[in-house]
Structures are given as C-alpha cells and as structure tokens.
Amino acid sequence: MRLRSQVKFVDERVKRAYYSLEKGDAAERELFKWLTRAFSDLEGNAFCGIQIQKRLIPKSYLKKYGVDNLWKYDLPKGWRLLYSVRGNEIIVISIILEWLSHKEYERRLGY
C-alpha cells in the first residue's frame, strides 16, 4: 500500500541535528543528502521502509515518544533512519526519530 505523508521531526533537537549536517564536513553533507532523499521518499509513501516488529521497539522510544509502530529506512553505507507513522483519515505524518550507523542500530534494537 502506498500512502503519502508529511515528514516531521520528533523534536527540535533532531531537526537542528539534521540541518547542521548540511554545514558539516564531507561525510556529514553526504548523510544530509541521503536523509533528504529518504524524507522525499517518505513523503511519497510513508510505508516505503521496513516495519520493525512491535516486540523489538526500544522501550526508550515507547516511553519518550509514545510510538506504537517503528519503521526502518535503509540509507547507504549501513546507516538507518528510524521513524514512526501516525495519522487519521485526513493526514498521515512520518515522524523522524533518529538516524544512526548500522552498529548503533543493532545495539538500539538489541540484535
């Protein structure tokens, strides 16, 4: 199923971190470009990522963000974008939680 969405950041800290990548070193600017592309993909289809099993959602996400679903979008070089999908009949929002390296992702989800 394809469902358009609006991309929002979970908080200002994540939003600032994203925009600071644009002014960083070459690796950070590259990550900024990947994330920008991912956000565009999410706007076109909120379900373009891979859904994470509910039992694997980190307790910190449940407590801090109150998410009841978690999705993973694979970025180049092993980076992962984690987001949650919320919506009603009028609008669907893809909420960006964080992005992390593959190693950090495995630790966060307990693999």
C-alpha atoms as a PDB file:
ATOM      1  CA  MET A   1       0.000   0.000   0.000  1.00  0.00           C
ATOM      2  CA  ARG A   2       1.253   3.485  -0.871  1.00  0.00           C
ATOM      3  CA  LEU A   3       0.276   6.398   1.342  1.00  0.00           C
ATOM      4  CA  ARG A   4       1.574   9.943   1.031  1.00  0.00           C
ATOM      5  CA  SER A   5       2.697  11.624   4.244  1.00  0.00           C
ATOM      6  CA  GLN A   6       4.154  14.773   5.711  1.00  0.00           C
ATOM      7  CA  VAL A   7       7.596  14.397   7.267  1.00  0.00           C
ATOM      8  CA  LYS A   8       8.019  15.944  10.716  1.00  0.00           C
ATOM      9  CA  PHE A   9      10.818  15.735  13.270  1.00  0.00           C
ATOM     10  CA  VAL A  10      10.003  14.310  16.676  1.00  0.00           C
ATOM     11  CA  ASP A  11      11.543  17.386  18.349  1.00  0.00           C
ATOM     12  CA  GLU A  12      13.657  20.489  17.702  1.00  0.00           C
ATOM     13  CA  ARG A  13      16.874  18.700  18.702  1.00  0.00           C
ATOM     14  CA  VAL A  14      16.507  16.196  15.857  1.00  0.00           C
ATOM     15  CA  LYS A  15      15.536  18.963  13.440  1.00  0.00           C
ATOM     16  CA  ARG A  16      18.610  21.041  14.362  1.00  0.00           C
ATOM     17  CA  ALA A  17      20.857  17.974  14.058  1.00  0.00           C
ATOM     18  CA  TYR A  18      19.554  17.371  10.534  1.00  0.00           C
ATOM     19  CA  TYR A  19      20.131  20.940   9.347  1.00  0.00           C
ATOM     20  CA  SER A  20      23.580  21.107  10.972  1.00  0.00           C
ATOM     21  CA  LEU A  21      24.683  18.198   8.765  1.00  0.00           C
ATOM     22  CA  GLU A  22      24.342  20.462   5.721  1.00  0.00           C
ATOM     23  CA  LYS A  23      27.148  22.688   7.049  1.00  0.00           C
ATOM     24  CA  GLY A  24      29.377  19.867   8.328  1.00  0.00           C
ATOM     25  CA  ASP A  25      32.313  18.032   6.830  1.00  0.00           C
ATOM     26  CA  ALA A  26      32.049  15.979   3.624  1.00  0.00           C
ATOM     27  CA  ALA A  27      30.678  12.869   5.388  1.00  0.00           C
ATOM     28  CA  GLU A  28      28.016  14.894   7.191  1.00  0.00           C
ATOM     29  CA  ARG A  29      26.957  16.649   3.982  1.00  0.00           C
ATOM     30  CA  GLU A  30      26.677  13.246   2.321  1.00  0.00           C
ATOM     31  CA  LEU A  31      24.472  11.991   5.175  1.00  0.00           C
ATOM     32  CA  PHE A  32      22.363  15.160   4.822  1.00  0.00           C
ATOM     33  CA  LYS A  33      21.848  14.334   1.136  1.00  0.00           C
ATOM     34  CA  TRP A  34      20.820  10.735   1.946  1.00  0.00           C
ATOM     35  CA  LEU A  35      18.378  11.870   4.615  1.00  0.00           C
ATOM     36  CA  THR A  36      16.873  14.492   2.314  1.00  0.00           C
ATOM     37  CA  ARG A  37      16.278  11.780  -0.290  1.00  0.00           C
ATOM     38  CA  ALA A  38      14.765   9.492   2.373  1.00  0.00           C
ATOM     39  CA  PHE A  39      12.409  12.260   3.518  1.00  0.00           C
ATOM     40  CA  SER A  40      11.282  12.757  -0.070  1.00  0.00           C
ATOM     41  CA  ASP A  41      10.623   9.017  -0.389  1.00  0.00           C
ATOM     42  CA  LEU A  42       8.618   9.068   2.860  1.00  0.00           C
ATOM     43  CA  GLU A  43       6.523  11.963   1.579  1.00  0.00           C
ATOM     44  CA  GLY A  44       5.657   9.819  -1.422  1.00  0.00           C
ATOM     45  CA  ASN A  45       4.981   6.690   0.622  1.00  0.00           C
ATOM     46  CA  ALA A  46       5.006   6.513   4.427  1.00  0.00           C
ATOM     47  CA  PHE A  47       5.365   2.731   4.182  1.00  0.00           C
ATOM     48  CA  CYS A  48       8.451   2.642   1.940  1.00  0.00           C
ATOM     49  CA  GLY A  49      10.593   1.450   4.857  1.00  0.00           C
ATOM     50  CA  ILE A  50      10.592  -1.877   6.653  1.00  0.00           C
ATOM     51  CA  GLN A  51       8.324  -2.271   9.669  1.00  0.00           C
ATOM     52  CA  ILE A  52      10.043  -3.312  12.893  1.00  0.00           C
ATOM     53  CA  GLN A  53       8.287  -5.944  14.991  1.00  0.00           C
ATOM     54  CA  LYS A  54       6.470  -4.368  17.933  1.00  0.00           C
ATOM     55  CA  ARG A  55       8.374  -6.509  20.445  1.00  0.00           C
ATOM     56  CA  LEU A  56      11.643  -5.005  19.144  1.00  0.00           C
ATOM     57  CA  ILE A  57      10.633  -1.356  19.578  1.00  0.00           C
ATOM     58  CA  PRO A  58      13.080   0.023  22.170  1.00  0.00           C
ATOM     59  CA  LYS A  59      11.422   0.738  25.492  1.00  0.00           C
ATOM     60  CA  SER A  60      13.051   4.174  25.416  1.00  0.00           C
ATOM     61  CA  TYR A  61      11.053   5.010  22.260  1.00  0.00           C
ATOM     62  CA  LEU A  62       7.832   3.786  23.867  1.00  0.00           C
ATOM     63  CA  LYS A  63       8.447   5.892  26.956  1.00  0.00           C
ATOM     64  CA  LYS A  64       9.940   9.007  25.371  1.00  0.00           C
ATOM     65  CA  TYR A  65       7.893   9.273  22.174  1.00  0.00           C
ATOM     66  CA  GLY A  66       4.835   7.110  22.821  1.00  0.00           C
ATOM     67  CA  VAL A  67       5.241   5.343  19.480  1.00  0.00           C
ATOM     68  CA  ASP A  68       3.240   2.205  18.771  1.00  0.00           C
ATOM     69  CA  ASN A  69       4.962   1.427  15.465  1.00  0.00           C
ATOM     70  CA  LEU A  70       8.513   1.732  14.202  1.00  0.00           C
ATOM     71  CA  TRP A  71       9.857   1.694  10.674  1.00  0.00           C
ATOM     72  CA  LYS A  72      13.403   1.458   9.329  1.00  0.00           C
ATOM     73  CA  TYR A  73      14.625   3.075   6.131  1.00  0.00           C
ATOM     74  CA  ASP A  74      17.999   1.774   4.943  1.00  0.00           C
ATOM     75  CA  LEU A  75      20.440   4.501   3.984  1.00  0.00           C
ATOM     76  CA  PRO A  76      23.758   3.966   2.151  1.00  0.00           C
ATOM     77  CA  LYS A  77      26.872   2.741   3.975  1.00  0.00           C
ATOM     78  CA  GLY A  78      24.886   0.935   6.657  1.00  0.00           C
ATOM     79  CA  TRP A  79      23.109   3.977   8.104  1.00  0.00           C
ATOM     80  CA  ARG A  80      19.496   3.581   9.264  1.00  0.00           C
ATOM     81  CA  LEU A  81      16.679   6.093   9.602  1.00  0.00           C
ATOM     82  CA  LEU A  82      14.085   5.232  12.242  1.00  0.00           C
ATOM     83  CA  TYR A  83      10.626   6.736  12.042  1.00  0.00           C
ATOM     84  CA  SER A  84       7.058   6.200  13.163  1.00  0.00           C
ATOM     85  CA  VAL A  85       3.847   6.668  11.186  1.00  0.00           C
ATOM     86  CA  ARG A  86       0.852   8.434  12.673  1.00  0.00           C
ATOM     87  CA  GLY A  87      -2.306   9.636  11.071  1.00  0.00           C
ATOM     88  CA  ASN A  88      -6.019   9.868  10.742  1.00  0.00           C
ATOM     89  CA  GLU A  89      -8.324   9.960   7.764  1.00  0.00           C
ATOM     90  CA  ILE A  90      -7.124  13.431   6.770  1.00  0.00           C
ATOM     91  CA  ILE A  91      -3.347  13.395   7.104  1.00  0.00           C
ATOM     92  CA  VAL A  92      -0.531  10.921   7.620  1.00  0.00           C
ATOM     93  CA  ILE A  93       2.699  12.045   9.275  1.00  0.00           C
ATOM     94  CA  SER A  94       6.069  10.291   9.172  1.00  0.00           C
ATOM     95  CA  ILE A  95       7.838  11.281  12.397  1.00  0.00           C
ATOM     96  CA  ILE A  96      11.640  11.170  12.226  1.00  0.00           C
ATOM     97  CA  LEU A  97      13.057   9.783  15.481  1.00  0.00           C
ATOM     98  CA  GLU A  98      16.761   9.450  14.682  1.00  0.00           C
ATOM     99  CA  TRP A  99      19.353   8.143  12.260  1.00  0.00           C
ATOM    100  CA  LEU A 100      22.259   6.005  13.291  1.00  0.00           C
ATOM    101  CA  SER A 101      25.005   3.779  11.978  1.00  0.00           C
ATOM    102  CA  HIS A 102      24.288   0.108  11.436  1.00  0.00           C
ATOM    103  CA  LYS A 103      26.262  -0.796  14.567  1.00  0.00           C
ATOM    104  CA  GLU A 104      24.305   1.709  16.698  1.00  0.00           C
ATOM    105  CA  TYR A 105      21.055   0.484  15.122  1.00  0.00           C
ATOM    106  CA  GLU A 106      21.800  -3.122  16.084  1.00  0.00           C
ATOM    107  CA  ARG A 107      22.563  -2.073  19.658  1.00  0.00           C
ATOM    108  CA  ARG A 108      19.437   0.096  19.913  1.00  0.00           C
ATOM    109  CA  LEU A 109      17.153  -2.726  18.725  1.00  0.00           C
ATOM    110  CA  GLY A 110      19.010  -5.455  20.606  1.00  0.00           C
ATOM    111  CA  TYR A 111      20.175  -7.530  17.646  1.00  0.00           C
END
